[in-house]
Amino acid sequence: MSVEAETRYDALELQVIDQEGYEYIRAREGVSIDEELVHFLRRTHAYELGWVKVEGAKYIRYERIASVAIKRGLDDGSRQAAPDSDQGQAT
């Protein structure tokens, strides 16, 4: 019997105005989630434009983002944060 290992990842969790649920941005390869948050907040690198690409083929406008938080240990199936998730939010 073989058990597949769950692939966990860290992401920015975005709460969007007038939208149920959250959108997620995974850290780019070679970039820590903390560095990704800095780029997001400073609007540098991939975040220079008025639109932000989230998981999937979806884009949202910057001004529609109500809050952003780092979520650690997410998996593709549940989108639930692992117990070691950061609880602080930057707005």
PDB file of N, CA and C in Angstrom:
ATOM      1  N   MET A   1       0.854  -1.176   0.000  1.00  0.00           N
ATOM      2  CA  MET A   1       0.000   0.000   0.000  1.00  0.00           C
ATOM      3  C   MET A   1       0.898   1.237   0.000  1.00  0.00           C
ATOM      4  N   SER A   2       0.619   2.171  -0.882  1.00  0.00           N
ATOM      5  CA  SER A   2       1.433   3.378  -0.983  1.00  0.00           C
ATOM      6  C   SER A   2       0.611   4.584  -0.553  1.00  0.00           C
ATOM      7  N   VAL A   3       1.253   5.458   0.169  1.00  0.00           N
ATOM      8  CA  VAL A   3       0.590   6.670   0.644  1.00  0.00           C
ATOM      9  C   VAL A   3       1.285   7.852  -0.006  1.00  0.00           C
ATOM     10  N   GLU A   4       0.496   8.665  -0.714  1.00  0.00           N
ATOM     11  CA  GLU A   4       1.078   9.834  -1.346  1.00  0.00           C
ATOM     12  C   GLU A   4       1.344  10.900  -0.292  1.00  0.00           C
ATOM     13  N   ALA A   5       2.532  11.504  -0.376  1.00  0.00           N
ATOM     14  CA  ALA A   5       2.874  12.589   0.541  1.00  0.00           C
ATOM     15  C   ALA A   5       2.115  13.847   0.115  1.00  0.00           C
ATOM     16  N   GLU A   6       1.543  14.515   1.075  1.00  0.00           N
ATOM     17  CA  GLU A   6       0.853  15.760   0.781  1.00  0.00           C
ATOM     18  C   GLU A   6       1.879  16.837   0.489  1.00  0.00           C
ATOM     19  N   THR A   7       1.616  17.618  -0.540  1.00  0.00           N
ATOM     20  CA  THR A   7       2.480  18.730  -0.861  1.00  0.00           C
ATOM     21  C   THR A   7       1.920  19.969  -0.185  1.00  0.00           C
ATOM     22  N   ARG A   8       2.655  20.467   0.758  1.00  0.00           N
ATOM     23  CA  ARG A   8       2.230  21.673   1.472  1.00  0.00           C
ATOM     24  C   ARG A   8       3.023  22.865   0.954  1.00  0.00           C
ATOM     25  N   TYR A   9       2.409  24.013   1.017  1.00  0.00           N
ATOM     26  CA  TYR A   9       3.068  25.225   0.531  1.00  0.00           C
ATOM     27  C   TYR A   9       2.615  26.424   1.362  1.00  0.00           C
ATOM     28  N   ASP A  10       3.367  27.506   1.243  1.00  0.00           N
ATOM     29  CA  ASP A  10       3.025  28.755   1.898  1.00  0.00           C
ATOM     30  C   ASP A  10       2.455  29.709   0.850  1.00  0.00           C
ATOM     31  N   ALA A  11       1.530  30.558   1.286  1.00  0.00           N
ATOM     32  CA  ALA A  11       0.891  31.474   0.343  1.00  0.00           C
ATOM     33  C   ALA A  11       0.441  32.737   1.059  1.00  0.00           C
ATOM     34  N   LEU A  12       0.214  33.771   0.263  1.00  0.00           N
ATOM     35  CA  LEU A  12      -0.452  34.966   0.770  1.00  0.00           C
ATOM     36  C   LEU A  12      -1.950  34.716   0.630  1.00  0.00           C
ATOM     37  N   GLU A  13      -2.685  34.947   1.692  1.00  0.00           N
ATOM     38  CA  GLU A  13      -4.134  34.771   1.681  1.00  0.00           C
ATOM     39  C   GLU A  13      -4.771  36.154   1.592  1.00  0.00           C
ATOM     40  N   LEU A  14      -5.539  36.385   0.548  1.00  0.00           N
ATOM     41  CA  LEU A  14      -6.154  37.689   0.319  1.00  0.00           C
ATOM     42  C   LEU A  14      -7.638  37.636   0.596  1.00  0.00           C
ATOM     43  N   GLN A  15      -8.101  38.580   1.385  1.00  0.00           N
ATOM     44  CA  GLN A  15      -9.542  38.753   1.567  1.00  0.00           C
ATOM     45  C   GLN A  15      -9.951  39.866   0.609  1.00  0.00           C
ATOM     46  N   VAL A  16     -10.918  39.579  -0.245  1.00  0.00           N
ATOM     47  CA  VAL A  16     -11.331  40.518  -1.282  1.00  0.00           C
ATOM     48  C   VAL A  16     -12.680  41.110  -0.902  1.00  0.00           C
ATOM     49  N   ILE A  17     -12.816  42.424  -1.096  1.00  0.00           N
ATOM     50  CA  ILE A  17     -14.057  43.132  -0.780  1.00  0.00           C
ATOM     51  C   ILE A  17     -15.219  42.522  -1.562  1.00  0.00           C
ATOM     52  N   ASP A  18     -16.362  42.313  -0.886  1.00  0.00           N
ATOM     53  CA  ASP A  18     -17.591  41.771  -1.482  1.00  0.00           C
ATOM     54  C   ASP A  18     -17.400  40.397  -2.111  1.00  0.00           C
ATOM     55  N   GLN A  19     -16.516  39.588  -1.538  1.00  0.00           N
ATOM     56  CA  GLN A  19     -16.315  38.236  -2.062  1.00  0.00           C
ATOM     57  C   GLN A  19     -16.234  37.262  -0.902  1.00  0.00           C
ATOM     58  N   GLU A  20     -16.934  36.154  -1.024  1.00  0.00           N
ATOM     59  CA  GLU A  20     -16.873  35.098  -0.021  1.00  0.00           C
ATOM     60  C   GLU A  20     -15.561  34.339  -0.192  1.00  0.00           C
ATOM     61  N   GLY A  21     -15.004  33.853   0.872  1.00  0.00           N
ATOM     62  CA  GLY A  21     -13.779  33.063   0.784  1.00  0.00           C
ATOM     63  C   GLY A  21     -12.554  33.913   0.546  1.00  0.00           C
ATOM     64  N   TYR A  22     -11.466  33.253   0.215  1.00  0.00           N
ATOM     65  CA  TYR A  22     -10.175  33.914   0.046  1.00  0.00           C
ATOM     66  C   TYR A  22      -9.560  33.567  -1.289  1.00  0.00           C
ATOM     67  N   GLU A  23      -8.637  34.405  -1.718  1.00  0.00           N
ATOM     68  CA  GLU A  23      -7.800  34.133  -2.885  1.00  0.00           C
ATOM     69  C   GLU A  23      -6.386  33.907  -2.358  1.00  0.00           C
ATOM     70  N   TYR A  24      -5.574  33.163  -3.108  1.00  0.00           N
ATOM     71  CA  TYR A  24      -4.232  32.818  -2.643  1.00  0.00           C
ATOM     72  C   TYR A  24      -3.193  33.116  -3.710  1.00  0.00           C
ATOM     73  N   ILE A  25      -2.040  33.569  -3.245  1.00  0.00           N
ATOM     74  CA  ILE A  25      -0.877  33.775  -4.098  1.00  0.00           C
ATOM     75  C   ILE A  25       0.259  32.960  -3.517  1.00  0.00           C
ATOM     76  N   ARG A  26       0.745  31.982  -4.272  1.00  0.00           N
ATOM     77  CA  ARG A  26       1.892  31.201  -3.810  1.00  0.00           C
ATOM     78  C   ARG A  26       3.162  32.008  -4.019  1.00  0.00           C
ATOM     79  N   ALA A  27       4.129  31.788  -3.147  1.00  0.00           N
ATOM     80  CA  ALA A  27       5.434  32.424  -3.313  1.00  0.00           C
ATOM     81  C   ALA A  27       6.078  31.888  -4.582  1.00  0.00           C
ATOM     82  N   ARG A  28       6.717  32.779  -5.330  1.00  0.00           N
ATOM     83  CA  ARG A  28       7.425  32.366  -6.538  1.00  0.00           C
ATOM     84  C   ARG A  28       8.617  31.500  -6.164  1.00  0.00           C
ATOM     85  N   GLU A  29       9.036  30.665  -7.087  1.00  0.00           N
ATOM     86  CA  GLU A  29      10.168  29.773  -6.842  1.00  0.00           C
ATOM     87  C   GLU A  29      11.401  30.590  -6.477  1.00  0.00           C
ATOM     88  N   GLY A  30      12.084  30.171  -5.421  1.00  0.00           N
ATOM     89  CA  GLY A  30      13.292  30.847  -4.974  1.00  0.00           C
ATOM     90  C   GLY A  30      13.044  32.069  -4.103  1.00  0.00           C
ATOM     91  N   VAL A  31      11.772  32.353  -3.802  1.00  0.00           N
ATOM     92  CA  VAL A  31      11.407  33.516  -2.984  1.00  0.00           C
ATOM     93  C   VAL A  31      10.648  33.012  -1.762  1.00  0.00           C
ATOM     94  N   SER A  32      11.054  33.448  -0.577  1.00  0.00           N
ATOM     95  CA  SER A  32      10.327  33.034   0.630  1.00  0.00           C
ATOM     96  C   SER A  32       8.985  33.748   0.682  1.00  0.00           C
ATOM     97  N   ILE A  33       8.064  33.210   1.444  1.00  0.00           N
ATOM     98  CA  ILE A  33       6.751  33.836   1.567  1.00  0.00           C
ATOM     99  C   ILE A  33       6.855  35.207   2.233  1.00  0.00           C
ATOM    100  N   ASP A  34       7.840  35.367   3.117  1.00  0.00           N
ATOM    101  CA  ASP A  34       8.053  36.674   3.754  1.00  0.00           C
ATOM    102  C   ASP A  34       8.508  37.711   2.729  1.00  0.00           C
ATOM    103  N   GLU A  35       9.412  37.312   1.824  1.00  0.00           N
ATOM    104  CA  GLU A  35       9.862  38.207   0.753  1.00  0.00           C
ATOM    105  C   GLU A  35       8.711  38.519  -0.200  1.00  0.00           C
ATOM    106  N   GLU A  36       7.888  37.520  -0.479  1.00  0.00           N
ATOM    107  CA  GLU A  36       6.733  37.724  -1.360  1.00  0.00           C
ATOM    108  C   GLU A  36       5.789  38.769  -0.766  1.00  0.00           C
ATOM    109  N   LEU A  37       5.573  38.703   0.549  1.00  0.00           N
ATOM    110  CA  LEU A  37       4.729  39.693   1.219  1.00  0.00           C
ATOM    111  C   LEU A  37       5.317  41.094   1.096  1.00  0.00           C
ATOM    112  N   VAL A  38       6.624  41.217   1.256  1.00  0.00           N
ATOM    113  CA  VAL A  38       7.284  42.527   1.123  1.00  0.00           C
ATOM    114  C   VAL A  38       7.056  43.081  -0.286  1.00  0.00           C
ATOM    115  N   HIS A  39       7.250  42.261  -1.306  1.00  0.00           N
ATOM    116  CA  HIS A  39       7.022  42.705  -2.687  1.00  0.00           C
ATOM    117  C   HIS A  39       5.569  43.106  -2.890  1.00  0.00           C
ATOM    118  N   PHE A  40       4.644  42.338  -2.321  1.00  0.00           N
ATOM    119  CA  PHE A  40       3.222  42.643  -2.438  1.00  0.00           C
ATOM    120  C   PHE A  40       2.904  44.002  -1.800  1.00  0.00           C
ATOM    121  N   LEU A  41       3.388  44.221  -0.586  1.00  0.00           N
ATOM    122  CA  LEU A  41       3.079  45.461   0.127  1.00  0.00           C
ATOM    123  C   LEU A  41       3.750  46.681  -0.500  1.00  0.00           C
ATOM    124  N   ARG A  42       4.939  46.500  -1.040  1.00  0.00           N
ATOM    125  CA  ARG A  42       5.657  47.602  -1.691  1.00  0.00           C
ATOM    126  C   ARG A  42       5.259  47.782  -3.152  1.00  0.00           C
ATOM    127  N   ARG A  43       4.483  46.831  -3.661  1.00  0.00           N
ATOM    128  CA  ARG A  43       4.048  46.831  -5.064  1.00  0.00           C
ATOM    129  C   ARG A  43       5.238  46.840  -6.009  1.00  0.00           C
ATOM    130  N   THR A  44       6.158  45.904  -5.761  1.00  0.00           N
ATOM    131  CA  THR A  44       7.313  45.734  -6.626  1.00  0.00           C
ATOM    132  C   THR A  44       7.235  44.377  -7.317  1.00  0.00           C
ATOM    133  N   HIS A  45       8.099  44.178  -8.284  1.00  0.00           N
ATOM    134  CA  HIS A  45       8.182  42.937  -9.071  1.00  0.00           C
ATOM    135  C   HIS A  45       6.833  42.629  -9.723  1.00  0.00           C
ATOM    136  N   ALA A  46       6.248  41.505  -9.441  1.00  0.00           N
ATOM    137  CA  ALA A  46       5.004  41.093 -10.101  1.00  0.00           C
ATOM    138  C   ALA A  46       3.792  41.925  -9.668  1.00  0.00           C
ATOM    139  N   TYR A  47       3.962  42.808  -8.716  1.00  0.00           N
ATOM    140  CA  TYR A  47       2.817  43.539  -8.145  1.00  0.00           C
ATOM    141  C   TYR A  47       2.800  45.025  -8.514  1.00  0.00           C
ATOM    142  N   GLU A  48       3.505  45.397  -9.560  1.00  0.00           N
ATOM    143  CA  GLU A  48       3.600  46.810  -9.944  1.00  0.00           C
ATOM    144  C   GLU A  48       2.335  47.335 -10.622  1.00  0.00           C
ATOM    145  N   LEU A  49       1.570  46.466 -11.219  1.00  0.00           N
ATOM    146  CA  LEU A  49       0.380  46.889 -11.953  1.00  0.00           C
ATOM    147  C   LEU A  49      -0.843  46.955 -11.047  1.00  0.00           C
ATOM    148  N   GLY A  50      -1.945  47.432 -11.573  1.00  0.00           N
ATOM    149  CA  GLY A  50      -3.177  47.552 -10.802  1.00  0.00           C
ATOM    150  C   GLY A  50      -3.917  46.248 -10.592  1.00  0.00           C
ATOM    151  N   TRP A  51      -3.468  45.186 -11.271  1.00  0.00           N
ATOM    152  CA  TRP A  51      -4.093  43.875 -11.157  1.00  0.00           C
ATOM    153  C   TRP A  51      -3.129  42.899 -10.529  1.00  0.00           C
ATOM    154  N   VAL A  52      -3.645  42.010  -9.703  1.00  0.00           N
ATOM    155  CA  VAL A  52      -2.826  40.996  -9.032  1.00  0.00           C
ATOM    156  C   VAL A  52      -3.285  39.623  -9.505  1.00  0.00           C
ATOM    157  N   LYS A  53      -2.339  38.798  -9.952  1.00  0.00           N
ATOM    158  CA  LYS A  53      -2.666  37.431 -10.379  1.00  0.00           C
ATOM    159  C   LYS A  53      -2.710  36.540  -9.151  1.00  0.00           C
ATOM    160  N   VAL A  54      -3.811  35.834  -8.984  1.00  0.00           N
ATOM    161  CA  VAL A  54      -3.964  34.884  -7.887  1.00  0.00           C
ATOM    162  C   VAL A  54      -3.954  33.477  -8.487  1.00  0.00           C
ATOM    163  N   GLU A  55      -4.049  32.462  -7.632  1.00  0.00           N
ATOM    164  CA  GLU A  55      -4.010  31.087  -8.131  1.00  0.00           C
ATOM    165  C   GLU A  55      -5.066  30.868  -9.199  1.00  0.00           C
ATOM    166  N   GLY A  56      -4.728  30.036 -10.148  1.00  0.00           N
ATOM    167  CA  GLY A  56      -5.600  29.821 -11.289  1.00  0.00           C
ATOM    168  C   GLY A  56      -5.323  30.898 -12.325  1.00  0.00           C
ATOM    169  N   ALA A  57      -6.242  31.119 -13.185  1.00  0.00           N
ATOM    170  CA  ALA A  57      -6.079  32.125 -14.241  1.00  0.00           C
ATOM    171  C   ALA A  57      -6.895  33.364 -13.903  1.00  0.00           C
ATOM    172  N   LYS A  58      -6.863  33.771 -12.665  1.00  0.00           N
ATOM    173  CA  LYS A  58      -7.717  34.848 -12.182  1.00  0.00           C
ATOM    174  C   LYS A  58      -6.872  36.054 -11.768  1.00  0.00           C
ATOM    175  N   TYR A  59      -7.404  37.240 -12.035  1.00  0.00           N
ATOM    176  CA  TYR A  59      -6.771  38.489 -11.624  1.00  0.00           C
ATOM    177  C   TYR A  59      -7.784  39.294 -10.817  1.00  0.00           C
ATOM    178  N   ILE A  60      -7.289  40.022  -9.819  1.00  0.00           N
ATOM    179  CA  ILE A  60      -8.153  40.924  -9.057  1.00  0.00           C
ATOM    180  C   ILE A  60      -7.470  42.282  -8.963  1.00  0.00           C
ATOM    181  N   ARG A  61      -8.267  43.319  -8.832  1.00  0.00           N
ATOM    182  CA  ARG A  61      -7.717  44.677  -8.720  1.00  0.00           C
ATOM    183  C   ARG A  61      -7.174  44.901  -7.312  1.00  0.00           C
ATOM    184  N   TYR A  62      -6.062  45.621  -7.243  1.00  0.00           N
ATOM    185  CA  TYR A  62      -5.416  45.906  -5.965  1.00  0.00           C
ATOM    186  C   TYR A  62      -6.380  46.558  -4.975  1.00  0.00           C
ATOM    187  N   GLU A  63      -7.145  47.524  -5.436  1.00  0.00           N
ATOM    188  CA  GLU A  63      -8.018  48.265  -4.505  1.00  0.00           C
ATOM    189  C   GLU A  63      -9.179  47.425  -3.973  1.00  0.00           C
ATOM    190  N   ARG A  64      -9.385  46.224  -4.497  1.00  0.00           N
ATOM    191  CA  ARG A  64     -10.439  45.332  -4.002  1.00  0.00           C
ATOM    192  C   ARG A  64      -9.951  44.443  -2.862  1.00  0.00           C
ATOM    193  N   ILE A  65      -8.660  44.510  -2.548  1.00  0.00           N
ATOM    194  CA  ILE A  65      -8.086  43.663  -1.503  1.00  0.00           C
ATOM    195  C   ILE A  65      -8.280  44.333  -0.143  1.00  0.00           C
ATOM    196  N   ALA A  66      -8.975  43.655   0.746  1.00  0.00           N
ATOM    197  CA  ALA A  66      -9.255  44.194   2.079  1.00  0.00           C
ATOM    198  C   ALA A  66      -8.131  43.882   3.061  1.00  0.00           C
ATOM    199  N   SER A  67      -7.530  42.686   2.953  1.00  0.00           N
ATOM    200  CA  SER A  67      -6.442  42.314   3.857  1.00  0.00           C
ATOM    201  C   SER A  67      -5.600  41.212   3.237  1.00  0.00           C
ATOM    202  N   VAL A  68      -4.392  41.070   3.762  1.00  0.00           N
ATOM    203  CA  VAL A  68      -3.476  40.023   3.309  1.00  0.00           C
ATOM    204  C   VAL A  68      -2.828  39.407   4.539  1.00  0.00           C
ATOM    205  N   ALA A  69      -2.654  38.106   4.517  1.00  0.00           N
ATOM    206  CA  ALA A  69      -2.019  37.389   5.626  1.00  0.00           C
ATOM    207  C   ALA A  69      -1.159  36.274   5.052  1.00  0.00           C
ATOM    208  N   ILE A  70      -0.120  35.901   5.774  1.00  0.00           N
ATOM    209  CA  ILE A  70       0.696  34.755   5.397  1.00  0.00           C
ATOM    210  C   ILE A  70       0.041  33.500   5.962  1.00  0.00           C
ATOM    211  N   LYS A  71      -0.150  32.524   5.110  1.00  0.00           N
ATOM    212  CA  LYS A  71      -0.666  31.227   5.543  1.00  0.00           C
ATOM    213  C   LYS A  71       0.372  30.177   5.209  1.00  0.00           C
ATOM    214  N   ARG A  72       0.743  29.405   6.210  1.00  0.00           N
ATOM    215  CA  ARG A  72       1.773  28.382   6.039  1.00  0.00           C
ATOM    216  C   ARG A  72       1.147  26.992   6.074  1.00  0.00           C
ATOM    217  N   GLY A  73       1.712  26.097   5.308  1.00  0.00           N
ATOM    218  CA  GLY A  73       1.287  24.705   5.338  1.00  0.00           C
ATOM    219  C   GLY A  73      -0.040  24.422   4.685  1.00  0.00           C
ATOM    220  N   LEU A  74      -0.408  25.192   3.647  1.00  0.00           N
ATOM    221  CA  LEU A  74      -1.642  24.914   2.915  1.00  0.00           C
ATOM    222  C   LEU A  74      -1.437  23.697   2.026  1.00  0.00           C
ATOM    223  N   ASP A  75      -2.537  23.037   1.674  1.00  0.00           N
ATOM    224  CA  ASP A  75      -2.454  21.972   0.683  1.00  0.00           C
ATOM    225  C   ASP A  75      -3.544  22.201  -0.353  1.00  0.00           C
ATOM    226  N   ASP A  76      -3.374  21.608  -1.523  1.00  0.00           N
ATOM    227  CA  ASP A  76      -4.296  21.837  -2.633  1.00  0.00           C
ATOM    228  C   ASP A  76      -5.714  21.369  -2.344  1.00  0.00           C
ATOM    229  N   GLY A  77      -5.864  20.340  -1.532  1.00  0.00           N
ATOM    230  CA  GLY A  77      -7.184  19.776  -1.293  1.00  0.00           C
ATOM    231  C   GLY A  77      -8.060  20.591  -0.378  1.00  0.00           C
ATOM    232  N   SER A  78      -7.533  21.051   0.716  1.00  0.00           N
ATOM    233  CA  SER A  78      -8.396  21.638   1.737  1.00  0.00           C
ATOM    234  C   SER A  78      -8.300  23.147   1.858  1.00  0.00           C
ATOM    235  N   ARG A  79      -7.211  23.714   1.436  1.00  0.00           N
ATOM    236  CA  ARG A  79      -6.965  25.150   1.609  1.00  0.00           C
ATOM    237  C   ARG A  79      -6.997  25.548   3.076  1.00  0.00           C
ATOM    238  N   GLN A  80      -6.864  24.589   3.962  1.00  0.00           N
ATOM    239  CA  GLN A  80      -6.860  24.881   5.389  1.00  0.00           C
ATOM    240  C   GLN A  80      -5.427  25.108   5.840  1.00  0.00           C
ATOM    241  N   ALA A  81      -5.246  26.082   6.685  1.00  0.00           N
ATOM    242  CA  ALA A  81      -3.918  26.379   7.195  1.00  0.00           C
ATOM    243  C   ALA A  81      -3.514  25.342   8.235  1.00  0.00           C
ATOM    244  N   ALA A  82      -2.258  25.024   8.237  1.00  0.00           N
ATOM    245  CA  ALA A  82      -1.714  24.131   9.258  1.00  0.00           C
ATOM    246  C   ALA A  82      -1.636  24.894  10.574  1.00  0.00           C
ATOM    247  N   PRO A  83      -1.491  24.202  11.692  1.00  0.00           N
ATOM    248  CA  PRO A  83      -1.460  24.867  12.992  1.00  0.00           C
ATOM    249  C   PRO A  83      -0.376  25.925  13.148  1.00  0.00           C
ATOM    250  N   ASP A  84       0.705  25.864  12.345  1.00  0.00           N
ATOM    251  CA  ASP A  84       1.787  26.833  12.509  1.00  0.00           C
ATOM    252  C   ASP A  84       1.606  28.078  11.644  1.00  0.00           C
ATOM    253  N   SER A  85       0.379  28.350  11.167  1.00  0.00           N
ATOM    254  CA  SER A  85       0.122  29.522  10.347  1.00  0.00           C
ATOM    255  C   SER A  85       0.337  30.790  11.139  1.00  0.00           C
ATOM    256  N   ASP A  86       0.822  31.828  10.434  1.00  0.00           N
ATOM    257  CA  ASP A  86       0.954  33.132  11.067  1.00  0.00           C
ATOM    258  C   ASP A  86      -0.442  33.705  11.266  1.00  0.00           C
ATOM    259  N   GLN A  87      -0.680  34.316  12.389  1.00  0.00           N
ATOM    260  CA  GLN A  87      -2.003  34.853  12.672  1.00  0.00           C
ATOM    261  C   GLN A  87      -2.097  36.350  12.383  1.00  0.00           C
ATOM    262  N   GLY A  88      -0.968  37.037  12.276  1.00  0.00           N
ATOM    263  CA  GLY A  88      -0.984  38.480  12.032  1.00  0.00           C
ATOM    264  C   GLY A  88      -1.414  38.796  10.615  1.00  0.00           C
ATOM    265  N   GLN A  89      -1.993  39.966  10.426  1.00  0.00           N
ATOM    266  CA  GLN A  89      -2.399  40.424   9.104  1.00  0.00           C
ATOM    267  C   GLN A  89      -1.793  41.774   8.856  1.00  0.00           C
ATOM    268  N   ALA A  90      -1.481  42.039   7.612  1.00  0.00           N
ATOM    269  CA  ALA A  90      -1.052  43.369   7.199  1.00  0.00           C
ATOM    270  C   ALA A  90      -2.163  43.928   6.332  1.00  0.00           C
ATOM    271  N   THR A  91      -2.547  45.158   6.578  1.00  0.00           N
ATOM    272  CA  THR A  91      -3.600  45.753   5.766  1.00  0.00           C
ATOM    273  C   THR A  91      -3.115  47.022   5.130  1.00  0.00           C
TER     274      THR A  91
END
